[in-house]
Protein backbone atom coordinates (compact mmCIF):
# COMPACT_ATOMS: atom_id res chain seq x y z
CA UNK A 1 0.00 0.00 0.00
CA UNK A 2 3.01 2.31 0.42
CA UNK A 3 5.27 2.26 -2.63
CA UNK A 4 8.38 4.40 -2.29
CA UNK A 5 8.39 7.73 -4.13
CA UNK A 6 11.10 7.17 -6.71
CA UNK A 7 12.65 9.30 -9.40
CA UNK A 8 14.76 8.74 -12.48
CA UNK A 9 17.37 11.43 -12.97
CA UNK A 10 17.61 14.65 -11.00
CA UNK A 11 14.47 15.50 -9.03
CA UNK A 12 12.84 18.90 -9.46
CA UNK A 13 10.95 20.83 -6.81
CA UNK A 14 7.67 22.70 -6.86
CA UNK A 15 7.28 26.29 -5.71
CA UNK A 16 7.58 26.51 -1.94
CA UNK A 17 9.61 23.30 -1.61
CA UNK A 18 13.22 23.57 -0.44
CA UNK A 19 15.76 22.16 -2.92
CA UNK A 20 18.24 21.84 -0.03
CA UNK A 21 15.86 19.57 1.89
CA UNK A 22 15.21 17.26 -1.08
CA UNK A 23 17.74 14.46 -1.41
CA UNK A 24 17.70 10.88 -2.65
CA UNK A 25 18.87 7.46 -1.51
CA UNK A 26 19.64 4.34 -3.52
CA UNK A 27 17.35 1.44 -2.68
CA UNK A 28 18.49 -2.20 -2.66
CA UNK A 29 16.65 -2.76 -5.96
CA UNK A 30 18.70 0.01 -7.61
CA UNK A 31 15.90 2.57 -7.75
CA UNK A 32 16.32 6.07 -6.34
CA UNK A 33 13.96 7.12 -3.55
CA UNK A 34 13.13 10.71 -2.67
CA UNK A 35 13.95 11.93 0.86
CA UNK A 36 12.70 15.23 2.23
CA UNK A 37 14.31 16.78 5.32
CA UNK A 38 15.57 13.34 6.32
CA UNK A 39 12.26 11.54 5.76
CA UNK A 40 12.04 8.87 3.03
CA UNK A 41 8.97 9.61 0.93
CA UNK A 42 6.22 7.16 -0.01
CA UNK A 43 2.92 7.41 -1.81
CA UNK A 44 -0.38 5.83 -0.84
CA UNK A 45 -1.59 3.36 -3.45
CA UNK A 46 -5.25 4.37 -3.07
CA UNK A 47 -4.49 8.01 -3.89
CA UNK A 48 -4.83 8.15 -7.65
CA UNK A 49 -4.78 11.92 -8.36
CA UNK A 50 -2.37 14.69 -7.46
CA UNK A 51 -3.29 16.35 -4.17
CA UNK A 52 -5.15 13.40 -2.65
CA UNK A 53 -4.26 12.73 0.98
CA UNK A 54 -6.11 9.48 1.70
CA UNK A 55 -3.08 8.06 3.45
CA UNK A 56 -2.78 10.95 5.94
CA UNK A 57 -2.67 9.54 9.50
CA UNK A 58 -3.31 6.04 8.10
CA UNK A 59 -3.21 3.65 11.06
CA UNK A 60 -1.72 6.50 13.08
CA UNK A 61 1.60 5.88 11.37
CA UNK A 62 1.81 7.60 7.97
CA UNK A 63 1.77 11.38 7.63
CA UNK A 64 2.08 14.04 4.97
CA UNK A 65 5.25 16.13 5.17
CA UNK A 66 5.04 19.91 4.78
CA UNK A 67 7.39 22.04 2.65
CA UNK A 68 9.10 22.89 5.97
CA UNK A 69 9.85 19.17 6.40
CA UNK A 70 7.47 18.67 9.31
CA UNK A 71 4.53 16.33 9.84
CA UNK A 72 1.23 17.82 8.70
CA UNK A 73 -1.38 17.52 11.43
CA UNK A 74 -5.10 17.56 10.74
CA UNK A 75 -6.92 20.48 12.40
CA UNK A 76 -7.80 19.56 15.98
CA UNK A 77 -5.37 16.61 16.10
CA UNK A 78 -2.25 16.39 18.23
CA UNK A 79 1.13 15.99 16.57
CA UNK A 80 2.52 12.46 16.74
CA UNK A 81 5.63 11.94 18.82
CA UNK A 82 6.61 8.77 16.96
CA UNK A 83 7.82 10.35 13.75
CA UNK A 84 6.46 10.01 10.22
């Protein structure tokens, strides 16, 4: 349900995203995974269109990362202390 966010070549960033915080790591299968502010990035397989956040807070484990590199918390929810 959580495939890694991978890239071929040099990744580009959208407006508001820090190029300095975006890095990559090589995975055992040879693919290149995106990492933002030290957090490996994944997508949620049930999100099929850009901007969907169906995986946000999934099982209290998976969270969206903000352009600042921090966990995005739903309004009224407490920030998780376990990471993201």
